[in-house]
Amino acid sequence: MNKSYICPVEATLDLVGGKYKPLILWHLSDKTLRFNELQKIISSATAKMLTQQLRELEKDGMIHREVYPVVPPKVEYSLTPLGKSFIPILSQMYDWGLEYLKNKNICPNCSMVE
């Protein structure tokens, strides 16, 4: 995060805002995943968009990218302590959104559904 912020909400949204960033963080909350695994889970994300969001999360210190020196290259993603600190907030957002959808008689159908 290279900008200077005066609003905490603006800083948070800039860090984790993006169509797929919350989903990436959610799915890395309890495991390490490779790119192809993330792409299967978040199937609506194009490879280009997923790569972009992963790079931004890595740049901002939310995820760790581990590259193994093998052929073909093996790359795994996991949460950093900063990324892990956001999981309770994501969980609360999930709970709030689930109640919202229930009140609208909408059945949730996304990769975050447990």
PDB file of N, CA and C in Angstrom:
ATOM      1  N   MET A   1       0.864  -1.173   0.000  1.00  0.00           N
ATOM      2  CA  MET A   1       0.000   0.000   0.000  1.00  0.00           C
ATOM      3  C   MET A   1       0.905   1.229   0.000  1.00  0.00           C
ATOM      4  N   ASN A   2       0.913   1.946  -1.091  1.00  0.00           N
ATOM      5  CA  ASN A   2       1.805   3.089  -1.242  1.00  0.00           C
ATOM      6  C   ASN A   2       1.114   4.427  -1.076  1.00  0.00           C
ATOM      7  N   LYS A   3      -0.198   4.425  -0.993  1.00  0.00           N
ATOM      8  CA  LYS A   3      -0.930   5.676  -0.831  1.00  0.00           C
ATOM      9  C   LYS A   3      -0.892   6.108   0.625  1.00  0.00           C
ATOM     10  N   SER A   4      -1.137   7.389   0.838  1.00  0.00           N
ATOM     11  CA  SER A   4      -1.288   7.825   2.221  1.00  0.00           C
ATOM     12  C   SER A   4      -2.778   8.075   2.454  1.00  0.00           C
ATOM     13  N   TYR A   5      -3.273   7.469   3.491  1.00  0.00           N
ATOM     14  CA  TYR A   5      -4.697   7.508   3.793  1.00  0.00           C
ATOM     15  C   TYR A   5      -4.943   8.301   5.059  1.00  0.00           C
ATOM     16  N   ILE A   6      -6.134   8.879   5.133  1.00  0.00           N
ATOM     17  CA  ILE A   6      -6.570   9.476   6.386  1.00  0.00           C
ATOM     18  C   ILE A   6      -7.831   8.778   6.879  1.00  0.00           C
ATOM     19  N   CYS A   7      -8.421   7.949   6.032  1.00  0.00           N
ATOM     20  CA  CYS A   7      -9.643   7.235   6.389  1.00  0.00           C
ATOM     21  C   CYS A   7      -9.359   5.739   6.487  1.00  0.00           C
ATOM     22  N   PRO A   8      -9.558   5.131   7.656  1.00  0.00           N
ATOM     23  CA  PRO A   8      -9.312   3.699   7.818  1.00  0.00           C
ATOM     24  C   PRO A   8     -10.154   2.822   6.885  1.00  0.00           C
ATOM     25  N   VAL A   9     -11.399   3.216   6.639  1.00  0.00           N
ATOM     26  CA  VAL A   9     -12.263   2.414   5.763  1.00  0.00           C
ATOM     27  C   VAL A   9     -11.732   2.457   4.336  1.00  0.00           C
ATOM     28  N   GLU A  10     -11.297   3.622   3.895  1.00  0.00           N
ATOM     29  CA  GLU A  10     -10.733   3.747   2.557  1.00  0.00           C
ATOM     30  C   GLU A  10      -9.493   2.862   2.409  1.00  0.00           C
ATOM     31  N   ALA A  11      -8.639   2.865   3.418  1.00  0.00           N
ATOM     32  CA  ALA A  11      -7.431   2.036   3.391  1.00  0.00           C
ATOM     33  C   ALA A  11      -7.789   0.557   3.319  1.00  0.00           C
ATOM     34  N   THR A  12      -8.755   0.133   4.121  1.00  0.00           N
ATOM     35  CA  THR A  12      -9.173  -1.268   4.133  1.00  0.00           C
ATOM     36  C   THR A  12      -9.751  -1.683   2.791  1.00  0.00           C
ATOM     37  N   LEU A  13     -10.656  -0.851   2.252  1.00  0.00           N
ATOM     38  CA  LEU A  13     -11.271  -1.181   0.969  1.00  0.00           C
ATOM     39  C   LEU A  13     -10.255  -1.202  -0.164  1.00  0.00           C
ATOM     40  N   ASP A  14      -9.263  -0.335  -0.108  1.00  0.00           N
ATOM     41  CA  ASP A  14      -8.235  -0.327  -1.139  1.00  0.00           C
ATOM     42  C   ASP A  14      -7.398  -1.602  -1.065  1.00  0.00           C
ATOM     43  N   LEU A  15      -7.156  -2.066   0.144  1.00  0.00           N
ATOM     44  CA  LEU A  15      -6.334  -3.255   0.354  1.00  0.00           C
ATOM     45  C   LEU A  15      -7.047  -4.538  -0.060  1.00  0.00           C
ATOM     46  N   VAL A  16      -8.299  -4.694   0.314  1.00  0.00           N
ATOM     47  CA  VAL A  16      -9.014  -5.958   0.079  1.00  0.00           C
ATOM     48  C   VAL A  16     -10.160  -5.826  -0.912  1.00  0.00           C
ATOM     49  N   GLY A  17     -10.384  -4.621  -1.417  1.00  0.00           N
ATOM     50  CA  GLY A  17     -11.435  -4.437  -2.403  1.00  0.00           C
ATOM     51  C   GLY A  17     -11.003  -5.011  -3.737  1.00  0.00           C
ATOM     52  N   GLY A  18     -11.928  -5.475  -4.446  1.00  0.00           N
ATOM     53  CA  GLY A  18     -11.651  -6.126  -5.729  1.00  0.00           C
ATOM     54  C   GLY A  18     -12.597  -7.303  -5.821  1.00  0.00           C
ATOM     55  N   LYS A  19     -12.959  -7.643  -7.007  1.00  0.00           N
ATOM     56  CA  LYS A  19     -13.986  -8.666  -7.182  1.00  0.00           C
ATOM     57  C   LYS A  19     -13.595 -10.005  -6.566  1.00  0.00           C
ATOM     58  N   TYR A  20     -12.324 -10.356  -6.604  1.00  0.00           N
ATOM     59  CA  TYR A  20     -11.929 -11.692  -6.159  1.00  0.00           C
ATOM     60  C   TYR A  20     -11.036 -11.719  -4.925  1.00  0.00           C
ATOM     61  N   LYS A  21     -10.536 -10.589  -4.480  1.00  0.00           N
ATOM     62  CA  LYS A  21      -9.633 -10.579  -3.324  1.00  0.00           C
ATOM     63  C   LYS A  21     -10.259 -11.199  -2.076  1.00  0.00           C
ATOM     64  N   PRO A  22     -11.494 -10.830  -1.709  1.00  0.00           N
ATOM     65  CA  PRO A  22     -12.077 -11.465  -0.520  1.00  0.00           C
ATOM     66  C   PRO A  22     -12.213 -12.984  -0.677  1.00  0.00           C
ATOM     67  N   LEU A  23     -12.560 -13.446  -1.875  1.00  0.00           N
ATOM     68  CA  LEU A  23     -12.692 -14.886  -2.104  1.00  0.00           C
ATOM     69  C   LEU A  23     -11.337 -15.582  -2.008  1.00  0.00           C
ATOM     70  N   ILE A  24     -10.311 -14.960  -2.544  1.00  0.00           N
ATOM     71  CA  ILE A  24      -8.959 -15.523  -2.454  1.00  0.00           C
ATOM     72  C   ILE A  24      -8.566 -15.656  -0.990  1.00  0.00           C
ATOM     73  N   LEU A  25      -8.750 -14.585  -0.236  1.00  0.00           N
ATOM     74  CA  LEU A  25      -8.388 -14.611   1.188  1.00  0.00           C
ATOM     75  C   LEU A  25      -9.184 -15.683   1.928  1.00  0.00           C
ATOM     76  N   TRP A  26     -10.467 -15.771   1.649  1.00  0.00           N
ATOM     77  CA  TRP A  26     -11.329 -16.754   2.304  1.00  0.00           C
ATOM     78  C   TRP A  26     -10.818 -18.181   2.069  1.00  0.00           C
ATOM     79  N   HIS A  27     -10.493 -18.479   0.833  1.00  0.00           N
ATOM     80  CA  HIS A  27     -10.078 -19.845   0.504  1.00  0.00           C
ATOM     81  C   HIS A  27      -8.667 -20.170   0.977  1.00  0.00           C
ATOM     82  N   LEU A  28      -7.873 -19.162   1.238  1.00  0.00           N
ATOM     83  CA  LEU A  28      -6.542 -19.392   1.797  1.00  0.00           C
ATOM     84  C   LEU A  28      -6.557 -19.362   3.320  1.00  0.00           C
ATOM     85  N   SER A  29      -7.721 -19.139   3.912  1.00  0.00           N
ATOM     86  CA  SER A  29      -7.783 -18.955   5.366  1.00  0.00           C
ATOM     87  C   SER A  29      -7.325 -20.173   6.149  1.00  0.00           C
ATOM     88  N   ASP A  30      -7.509 -21.365   5.616  1.00  0.00           N
ATOM     89  CA  ASP A  30      -7.126 -22.550   6.380  1.00  0.00           C
ATOM     90  C   ASP A  30      -6.240 -23.509   5.606  1.00  0.00           C
ATOM     91  N   LYS A  31      -5.735 -23.049   4.448  1.00  0.00           N
ATOM     92  CA  LYS A  31      -4.858 -23.936   3.680  1.00  0.00           C
ATOM     93  C   LYS A  31      -4.029 -23.148   2.677  1.00  0.00           C
ATOM     94  N   THR A  32      -3.021 -23.826   2.174  1.00  0.00           N
ATOM     95  CA  THR A  32      -2.171 -23.309   1.105  1.00  0.00           C
ATOM     96  C   THR A  32      -2.694 -23.888  -0.195  1.00  0.00           C
ATOM     97  N   LEU A  33      -2.783 -23.045  -1.221  1.00  0.00           N
ATOM     98  CA  LEU A  33      -3.324 -23.495  -2.504  1.00  0.00           C
ATOM     99  C   LEU A  33      -2.419 -23.064  -3.649  1.00  0.00           C
ATOM    100  N   ARG A  34      -2.450 -23.858  -4.709  1.00  0.00           N
ATOM    101  CA  ARG A  34      -1.752 -23.511  -5.943  1.00  0.00           C
ATOM    102  C   ARG A  34      -2.712 -22.712  -6.830  1.00  0.00           C
ATOM    103  N   PHE A  35      -2.141 -22.060  -7.843  1.00  0.00           N
ATOM    104  CA  PHE A  35      -2.940 -21.209  -8.730  1.00  0.00           C
ATOM    105  C   PHE A  35      -4.110 -21.975  -9.339  1.00  0.00           C
ATOM    106  N   ASN A  36      -3.828 -23.160  -9.890  1.00  0.00           N
ATOM    107  CA  ASN A  36      -4.895 -23.922 -10.546  1.00  0.00           C
ATOM    108  C   ASN A  36      -6.001 -24.317  -9.580  1.00  0.00           C
ATOM    109  N   GLU A  37      -5.659 -24.577  -8.323  1.00  0.00           N
ATOM    110  CA  GLU A  37      -6.676 -24.901  -7.322  1.00  0.00           C
ATOM    111  C   GLU A  37      -7.566 -23.693  -7.062  1.00  0.00           C
ATOM    112  N   LEU A  38      -6.942 -22.524  -6.935  1.00  0.00           N
ATOM    113  CA  LEU A  38      -7.724 -21.295  -6.746  1.00  0.00           C
ATOM    114  C   LEU A  38      -8.617 -21.034  -7.953  1.00  0.00           C
ATOM    115  N   GLN A  39      -8.098 -21.272  -9.140  1.00  0.00           N
ATOM    116  CA  GLN A  39      -8.869 -21.019 -10.350  1.00  0.00           C
ATOM    117  C   GLN A  39     -10.074 -21.956 -10.441  1.00  0.00           C
ATOM    118  N   LYS A  40      -9.936 -23.192  -9.986  1.00  0.00           N
ATOM    119  CA  LYS A  40     -11.065 -24.120  -9.987  1.00  0.00           C
ATOM    120  C   LYS A  40     -12.124 -23.683  -8.980  1.00  0.00           C
ATOM    121  N   ILE A  41     -11.684 -23.218  -7.826  1.00  0.00           N
ATOM    122  CA  ILE A  41     -12.613 -22.802  -6.774  1.00  0.00           C
ATOM    123  C   ILE A  41     -13.337 -21.513  -7.165  1.00  0.00           C
ATOM    124  N   ILE A  42     -12.589 -20.574  -7.715  1.00  0.00           N
ATOM    125  CA  ILE A  42     -13.141 -19.271  -8.116  1.00  0.00           C
ATOM    126  C   ILE A  42     -13.255 -19.291  -9.641  1.00  0.00           C
ATOM    127  N   SER A  43     -14.149 -20.092 -10.133  1.00  0.00           N
ATOM    128  CA  SER A  43     -14.225 -20.368 -11.565  1.00  0.00           C
ATOM    129  C   SER A  43     -14.660 -19.169 -12.414  1.00  0.00           C
ATOM    130  N   SER A  44     -15.294 -18.183 -11.799  1.00  0.00           N
ATOM    131  CA  SER A  44     -15.727 -17.016 -12.569  1.00  0.00           C
ATOM    132  C   SER A  44     -14.574 -16.055 -12.861  1.00  0.00           C
ATOM    133  N   ALA A  45     -13.431 -16.247 -12.209  1.00  0.00           N
ATOM    134  CA  ALA A  45     -12.273 -15.379 -12.425  1.00  0.00           C
ATOM    135  C   ALA A  45     -11.470 -15.871 -13.623  1.00  0.00           C
ATOM    136  N   THR A  46     -11.136 -14.956 -14.516  1.00  0.00           N
ATOM    137  CA  THR A  46     -10.242 -15.327 -15.612  1.00  0.00           C
ATOM    138  C   THR A  46      -8.837 -15.489 -15.031  1.00  0.00           C
ATOM    139  N   ALA A  47      -7.991 -16.198 -15.738  1.00  0.00           N
ATOM    140  CA  ALA A  47      -6.609 -16.388 -15.282  1.00  0.00           C
ATOM    141  C   ALA A  47      -5.908 -15.041 -15.121  1.00  0.00           C
ATOM    142  N   LYS A  48      -6.153 -14.130 -16.054  1.00  0.00           N
ATOM    143  CA  LYS A  48      -5.536 -12.800 -15.999  1.00  0.00           C
ATOM    144  C   LYS A  48      -5.985 -12.037 -14.753  1.00  0.00           C
ATOM    145  N   MET A  49      -7.286 -12.048 -14.475  1.00  0.00           N
ATOM    146  CA  MET A  49      -7.808 -11.321 -13.322  1.00  0.00           C
ATOM    147  C   MET A  49      -7.330 -11.946 -12.015  1.00  0.00           C
ATOM    148  N   LEU A  50      -7.342 -13.270 -11.930  1.00  0.00           N
ATOM    149  CA  LEU A  50      -6.883 -13.945 -10.724  1.00  0.00           C
ATOM    150  C   LEU A  50      -5.410 -13.633 -10.471  1.00  0.00           C
ATOM    151  N   THR A  51      -4.616 -13.665 -11.526  1.00  0.00           N
ATOM    152  CA  THR A  51      -3.190 -13.341 -11.397  1.00  0.00           C
ATOM    153  C   THR A  51      -3.009 -11.914 -10.894  1.00  0.00           C
ATOM    154  N   GLN A  52      -3.764 -10.984 -11.457  1.00  0.00           N
ATOM    155  CA  GLN A  52      -3.670  -9.578 -11.041  1.00  0.00           C
ATOM    156  C   GLN A  52      -4.024  -9.417  -9.566  1.00  0.00           C
ATOM    157  N   GLN A  53      -5.118 -10.039  -9.146  1.00  0.00           N
ATOM    158  CA  GLN A  53      -5.557  -9.905  -7.757  1.00  0.00           C
ATOM    159  C   GLN A  53      -4.552 -10.563  -6.805  1.00  0.00           C
ATOM    160  N   LEU A  54      -3.996 -11.708  -7.199  1.00  0.00           N
ATOM    161  CA  LEU A  54      -2.978 -12.373  -6.376  1.00  0.00           C
ATOM    162  C   LEU A  54      -1.736 -11.494  -6.248  1.00  0.00           C
ATOM    163  N   ARG A  55      -1.320 -10.878  -7.328  1.00  0.00           N
ATOM    164  CA  ARG A  55      -0.138 -10.000  -7.290  1.00  0.00           C
ATOM    165  C   ARG A  55      -0.367  -8.809  -6.372  1.00  0.00           C
ATOM    166  N   GLU A  56      -1.564  -8.224  -6.451  1.00  0.00           N
ATOM    167  CA  GLU A  56      -1.862  -7.078  -5.587  1.00  0.00           C
ATOM    168  C   GLU A  56      -1.880  -7.494  -4.115  1.00  0.00           C
ATOM    169  N   LEU A  57      -2.494  -8.628  -3.816  1.00  0.00           N
ATOM    170  CA  LEU A  57      -2.525  -9.112  -2.431  1.00  0.00           C
ATOM    171  C   LEU A  57      -1.116  -9.420  -1.926  1.00  0.00           C
ATOM    172  N   GLU A  58      -0.282  -9.967  -2.799  1.00  0.00           N
ATOM    173  CA  GLU A  58       1.109 -10.239  -2.409  1.00  0.00           C
ATOM    174  C   GLU A  58       1.866  -8.934  -2.166  1.00  0.00           C
ATOM    175  N   LYS A  59       1.714  -7.980  -3.086  1.00  0.00           N
ATOM    176  CA  LYS A  59       2.391  -6.680  -2.962  1.00  0.00           C
ATOM    177  C   LYS A  59       2.000  -5.982  -1.659  1.00  0.00           C
ATOM    178  N   ASP A  60       0.726  -6.126  -1.285  1.00  0.00           N
ATOM    179  CA  ASP A  60       0.236  -5.460  -0.078  1.00  0.00           C
ATOM    180  C   ASP A  60       0.477  -6.267   1.201  1.00  0.00           C
ATOM    181  N   GLY A  61       1.118  -7.418   1.073  1.00  0.00           N
ATOM    182  CA  GLY A  61       1.498  -8.182   2.263  1.00  0.00           C
ATOM    183  C   GLY A  61       0.398  -9.051   2.847  1.00  0.00           C
ATOM    184  N   MET A  62      -0.663  -9.282   2.075  1.00  0.00           N
ATOM    185  CA  MET A  62      -1.773 -10.102   2.580  1.00  0.00           C
ATOM    186  C   MET A  62      -1.549 -11.597   2.334  1.00  0.00           C
ATOM    187  N   ILE A  63      -0.853 -11.925   1.256  1.00  0.00           N
ATOM    188  CA  ILE A  63      -0.571 -13.329   0.962  1.00  0.00           C
ATOM    189  C   ILE A  63       0.922 -13.509   0.697  1.00  0.00           C
ATOM    190  N   HIS A  64       1.347 -14.749   0.846  1.00  0.00           N
ATOM    191  CA  HIS A  64       2.736 -15.123   0.565  1.00  0.00           C
ATOM    192  C   HIS A  64       2.737 -16.031  -0.658  1.00  0.00           C
ATOM    193  N   ARG A  65       3.643 -15.785  -1.573  1.00  0.00           N
ATOM    194  CA  ARG A  65       3.789 -16.595  -2.789  1.00  0.00           C
ATOM    195  C   ARG A  65       5.105 -17.344  -2.679  1.00  0.00           C
ATOM    196  N   GLU A  66       5.023 -18.659  -2.652  1.00  0.00           N
ATOM    197  CA  GLU A  66       6.211 -19.509  -2.545  1.00  0.00           C
ATOM    198  C   GLU A  66       6.436 -20.198  -3.879  1.00  0.00           C
ATOM    199  N   VAL A  67       7.614 -19.967  -4.459  1.00  0.00           N
ATOM    200  CA  VAL A  67       7.973 -20.576  -5.740  1.00  0.00           C
ATOM    201  C   VAL A  67       9.006 -21.663  -5.466  1.00  0.00           C
ATOM    202  N   TYR A  68       8.716 -22.872  -5.918  1.00  0.00           N
ATOM    203  CA  TYR A  68       9.617 -24.000  -5.736  1.00  0.00           C
ATOM    204  C   TYR A  68      10.418 -24.217  -7.020  1.00  0.00           C
ATOM    205  N   PRO A  69      11.733 -24.424  -6.886  1.00  0.00           N
ATOM    206  CA  PRO A  69      12.590 -24.566  -8.073  1.00  0.00           C
ATOM    207  C   PRO A  69      12.509 -25.970  -8.679  1.00  0.00           C
ATOM    208  N   VAL A  70      11.361 -26.265  -9.267  1.00  0.00           N
ATOM    209  CA  VAL A  70      11.171 -27.551  -9.929  1.00  0.00           C
ATOM    210  C   VAL A  70      10.624 -27.299 -11.332  1.00  0.00           C
ATOM    211  N   VAL A  71      10.674 -28.330 -12.158  1.00  0.00           N
ATOM    212  CA  VAL A  71      10.117 -28.218 -13.506  1.00  0.00           C
ATOM    213  C   VAL A  71       8.978 -29.218 -13.615  1.00  0.00           C
ATOM    214  N   PRO A  72       7.764 -28.796 -13.976  1.00  0.00           N
ATOM    215  CA  PRO A  72       7.367 -27.400 -14.184  1.00  0.00           C
ATOM    216  C   PRO A  72       7.329 -26.642 -12.854  1.00  0.00           C
ATOM    217  N   PRO A  73       7.387 -25.313 -12.918  1.00  0.00           N
ATOM    218  CA  PRO A  73       7.404 -24.514 -11.688  1.00  0.00           C
ATOM    219  C   PRO A  73       6.187 -24.790 -10.805  1.00  0.00           C
ATOM    220  N   LYS A  74       6.434 -24.850  -9.523  1.00  0.00           N
ATOM    221  CA  LYS A  74       5.355 -25.041  -8.547  1.00  0.00           C
ATOM    222  C   LYS A  74       5.267 -23.772  -7.709  1.00  0.00           C
ATOM    223  N   VAL A  75       4.078 -23.182  -7.675  1.00  0.00           N
ATOM    224  CA  VAL A  75       3.858 -21.951  -6.915  1.00  0.00           C
ATOM    225  C   VAL A  75       2.685 -22.185  -5.980  1.00  0.00           C
ATOM    226  N   GLU A  76       2.881 -21.848  -4.706  1.00  0.00           N
ATOM    227  CA  GLU A  76       1.809 -21.983  -3.719  1.00  0.00           C
ATOM    228  C   GLU A  76       1.554 -20.640  -3.057  1.00  0.00           C
ATOM    229  N   TYR A  77       0.285 -20.438  -2.695  1.00  0.00           N
ATOM    230  CA  TYR A  77      -0.130 -19.209  -2.036  1.00  0.00           C
ATOM    231  C   TYR A  77      -0.659 -19.532  -0.647  1.00  0.00           C
ATOM    232  N   SER A  78      -0.325 -18.671   0.303  1.00  0.00           N
ATOM    233  CA  SER A  78      -0.827 -18.817   1.672  1.00  0.00           C
ATOM    234  C   SER A  78      -0.994 -17.424   2.267  1.00  0.00           C
ATOM    235  N   LEU A  79      -1.699 -17.363   3.384  1.00  0.00           N
ATOM    236  CA  LEU A  79      -1.901 -16.072   4.039  1.00  0.00           C
ATOM    237  C   LEU A  79      -0.701 -15.705   4.900  1.00  0.00           C
ATOM    238  N   THR A  80      -0.411 -14.439   4.936  1.00  0.00           N
ATOM    239  CA  THR A  80       0.572 -13.895   5.872  1.00  0.00           C
ATOM    240  C   THR A  80      -0.166 -13.615   7.185  1.00  0.00           C
ATOM    241  N   PRO A  81       0.547 -13.270   8.247  1.00  0.00           N
ATOM    242  CA  PRO A  81      -0.151 -12.861   9.471  1.00  0.00           C
ATOM    243  C   PRO A  81      -1.127 -11.702   9.230  1.00  0.00           C
ATOM    244  N   LEU A  82      -0.767 -10.772   8.365  1.00  0.00           N
ATOM    245  CA  LEU A  82      -1.679  -9.664   8.045  1.00  0.00           C
ATOM    246  C   LEU A  82      -2.938 -10.196   7.376  1.00  0.00           C
ATOM    247  N   GLY A  83      -2.784 -11.098   6.429  1.00  0.00           N
ATOM    248  CA  GLY A  83      -3.933 -11.702   5.766  1.00  0.00           C
ATOM    249  C   GLY A  83      -4.808 -12.475   6.740  1.00  0.00           C
ATOM    250  N   LYS A  84      -4.174 -13.217   7.641  1.00  0.00           N
ATOM    251  CA  LYS A  84      -4.932 -13.988   8.642  1.00  0.00           C
ATOM    252  C   LYS A  84      -5.729 -13.064   9.555  1.00  0.00           C
ATOM    253  N   SER A  85      -5.199 -11.885   9.817  1.00  0.00           N
ATOM    254  CA  SER A  85      -5.897 -10.955  10.714  1.00  0.00           C
ATOM    255  C   SER A  85      -7.197 -10.441  10.097  1.00  0.00           C
ATOM    256  N   PHE A  86      -7.358 -10.587   8.781  1.00  0.00           N
ATOM    257  CA  PHE A  86      -8.571 -10.115   8.113  1.00  0.00           C
ATOM    258  C   PHE A  86      -9.673 -11.170   8.076  1.00  0.00           C
ATOM    259  N   ILE A  87      -9.366 -12.421   8.349  1.00  0.00           N
ATOM    260  CA  ILE A  87     -10.338 -13.505   8.248  1.00  0.00           C
ATOM    261  C   ILE A  87     -11.550 -13.305   9.168  1.00  0.00           C
ATOM    262  N   PRO A  88     -11.386 -12.875  10.421  1.00  0.00           N
ATOM    263  CA  PRO A  88     -12.585 -12.627  11.235  1.00  0.00           C
ATOM    264  C   PRO A  88     -13.518 -11.583  10.625  1.00  0.00           C
ATOM    265  N   ILE A  89     -12.969 -10.600   9.965  1.00  0.00           N
ATOM    266  CA  ILE A  89     -13.797  -9.578   9.313  1.00  0.00           C
ATOM    267  C   ILE A  89     -14.542 -10.199   8.133  1.00  0.00           C
ATOM    268  N   LEU A  90     -13.851 -11.013   7.339  1.00  0.00           N
ATOM    269  CA  LEU A  90     -14.503 -11.707   6.225  1.00  0.00           C
ATOM    270  C   LEU A  90     -15.607 -12.623   6.726  1.00  0.00           C
ATOM    271  N   SER A  91     -15.360 -13.276   7.830  1.00  0.00           N
ATOM    272  CA  SER A  91     -16.369 -14.169   8.409  1.00  0.00           C
ATOM    273  C   SER A  91     -17.612 -13.389   8.818  1.00  0.00           C
ATOM    274  N   GLN A  92     -17.413 -12.222   9.398  1.00  0.00           N
ATOM    275  CA  GLN A  92     -18.549 -11.378   9.768  1.00  0.00           C
ATOM    276  C   GLN A  92     -19.285 -10.883   8.528  1.00  0.00           C
ATOM    277  N   MET A  93     -18.552 -10.555   7.485  1.00  0.00           N
ATOM    278  CA  MET A  93     -19.186 -10.122   6.234  1.00  0.00           C
ATOM    279  C   MET A  93     -20.007 -11.265   5.645  1.00  0.00           C
ATOM    280  N   TYR A  94     -19.471 -12.472   5.715  1.00  0.00           N
ATOM    281  CA  TYR A  94     -20.196 -13.650   5.224  1.00  0.00           C
ATOM    282  C   TYR A  94     -21.503 -13.820   5.995  1.00  0.00           C
ATOM    283  N   ASP A  95     -21.409 -13.758   7.329  1.00  0.00           N
ATOM    284  CA  ASP A  95     -22.600 -13.929   8.167  1.00  0.00           C
ATOM    285  C   ASP A  95     -23.642 -12.857   7.869  1.00  0.00           C
ATOM    286  N   TRP A  96     -23.195 -11.617   7.738  1.00  0.00           N
ATOM    287  CA  TRP A  96     -24.123 -10.526   7.450  1.00  0.00           C
ATOM    288  C   TRP A  96     -24.782 -10.744   6.090  1.00  0.00           C
ATOM    289  N   GLY A  97     -23.978 -11.082   5.084  1.00  0.00           N
ATOM    290  CA  GLY A  97     -24.517 -11.297   3.743  1.00  0.00           C
ATOM    291  C   GLY A  97     -25.459 -12.489   3.680  1.00  0.00           C
ATOM    292  N   LEU A  98     -25.184 -13.533   4.464  1.00  0.00           N
ATOM    293  CA  LEU A  98     -26.048 -14.703   4.499  1.00  0.00           C
ATOM    294  C   LEU A  98     -27.420 -14.333   5.054  1.00  0.00           C
ATOM    295  N   GLU A  99     -27.441 -13.562   6.118  1.00  0.00           N
ATOM    296  CA  GLU A  99     -28.717 -13.110   6.690  1.00  0.00           C
ATOM    297  C   GLU A  99     -29.468 -12.209   5.714  1.00  0.00           C
ATOM    298  N   TYR A 100     -28.735 -11.336   5.053  1.00  0.00           N
ATOM    299  CA  TYR A 100     -29.342 -10.452   4.063  1.00  0.00           C
ATOM    300  C   TYR A 100     -30.015 -11.271   2.967  1.00  0.00           C
ATOM    301  N   LEU A 101     -29.298 -12.254   2.436  1.00  0.00           N
ATOM    302  CA  LEU A 101     -29.865 -13.086   1.375  1.00  0.00           C
ATOM    303  C   LEU A 101     -31.062 -13.892   1.863  1.00  0.00           C
ATOM    304  N   LYS A 102     -30.972 -14.419   3.076  1.00  0.00           N
ATOM    305  CA  LYS A 102     -32.099 -15.172   3.637  1.00  0.00           C
ATOM    306  C   LYS A 102     -33.341 -14.296   3.740  1.00  0.00           C
ATOM    307  N   ASN A 103     -33.168 -13.064   4.179  1.00  0.00           N
ATOM    308  CA  ASN A 103     -34.288 -12.132   4.291  1.00  0.00           C
ATOM    309  C   ASN A 103     -34.894 -11.795   2.931  1.00  0.00           C
ATOM    310  N   LYS A 104     -34.117 -11.933   1.876  1.00  0.00           N
ATOM    311  CA  LYS A 104     -34.601 -11.686   0.515  1.00  0.00           C
ATOM    312  C   LYS A 104     -35.044 -12.988  -0.159  1.00  0.00           C
ATOM    313  N   ASN A 105     -35.051 -14.076   0.610  1.00  0.00           N
ATOM    314  CA  ASN A 105     -35.395 -15.405   0.081  1.00  0.00           C
ATOM    315  C   ASN A 105     -34.503 -15.823  -1.089  1.00  0.00           C
ATOM    316  N   ILE A 106     -33.213 -15.543  -0.941  1.00  0.00           N
ATOM    317  CA  ILE A 106     -32.239 -15.908  -1.961  1.00  0.00           C
ATOM    318  C   ILE A 106     -31.310 -16.959  -1.361  1.00  0.00           C
ATOM    319  N   CYS A 107     -31.129 -18.035  -2.088  1.00  0.00           N
ATOM    320  CA  CYS A 107     -30.229 -19.104  -1.654  1.00  0.00           C
ATOM    321  C   CYS A 107     -28.820 -18.765  -2.121  1.00  0.00           C
ATOM    322  N   PRO A 108     -27.854 -18.656  -1.188  1.00  0.00           N
ATOM    323  CA  PRO A 108     -26.493 -18.307  -1.594  1.00  0.00           C
ATOM    324  C   PRO A 108     -25.897 -19.397  -2.482  1.00  0.00           C
ATOM    325  N   ASN A 109     -25.176 -18.962  -3.490  1.00  0.00           N
ATOM    326  CA  ASN A 109     -24.544 -19.898  -4.409  1.00  0.00           C
ATOM    327  C   ASN A 109     -23.206 -19.303  -4.862  1.00  0.00           C
ATOM    328  N   CYS A 110     -22.233 -19.382  -3.974  1.00  0.00           N
ATOM    329  CA  CYS A 110     -20.921 -18.862  -4.301  1.00  0.00           C
ATOM    330  C   CYS A 110     -19.866 -19.785  -3.717  1.00  0.00           C
ATOM    331  N   SER A 111     -18.628 -19.534  -4.057  1.00  0.00           N
ATOM    332  CA  SER A 111     -17.542 -20.403  -3.601  1.00  0.00           C
ATOM    333  C   SER A 111     -17.291 -20.295  -2.095  1.00  0.00           C
ATOM    334  N   MET A 112     -17.872 -19.306  -1.435  1.00  0.00           N
ATOM    335  CA  MET A 112     -17.673 -19.158   0.012  1.00  0.00           C
ATOM    336  C   MET A 112     -18.671 -19.977   0.831  1.00  0.00           C
ATOM    337  N   VAL A 113     -19.706 -20.494   0.184  1.00  0.00           N
ATOM    338  CA  VAL A 113     -20.734 -21.247   0.921  1.00  0.00           C
ATOM    339  C   VAL A 113     -20.101 -22.485   1.513  1.00  0.00           C
ATOM    340  N   GLU A 114     -20.321 -22.654   2.801  1.00  0.00           N
ATOM    341  CA  GLU A 114     -19.714 -23.791   3.508  1.00  0.00           C
ATOM    342  C   GLU A 114     -20.520 -25.042   3.316  1.00  0.00           C
TER     343      GLU A 114
END
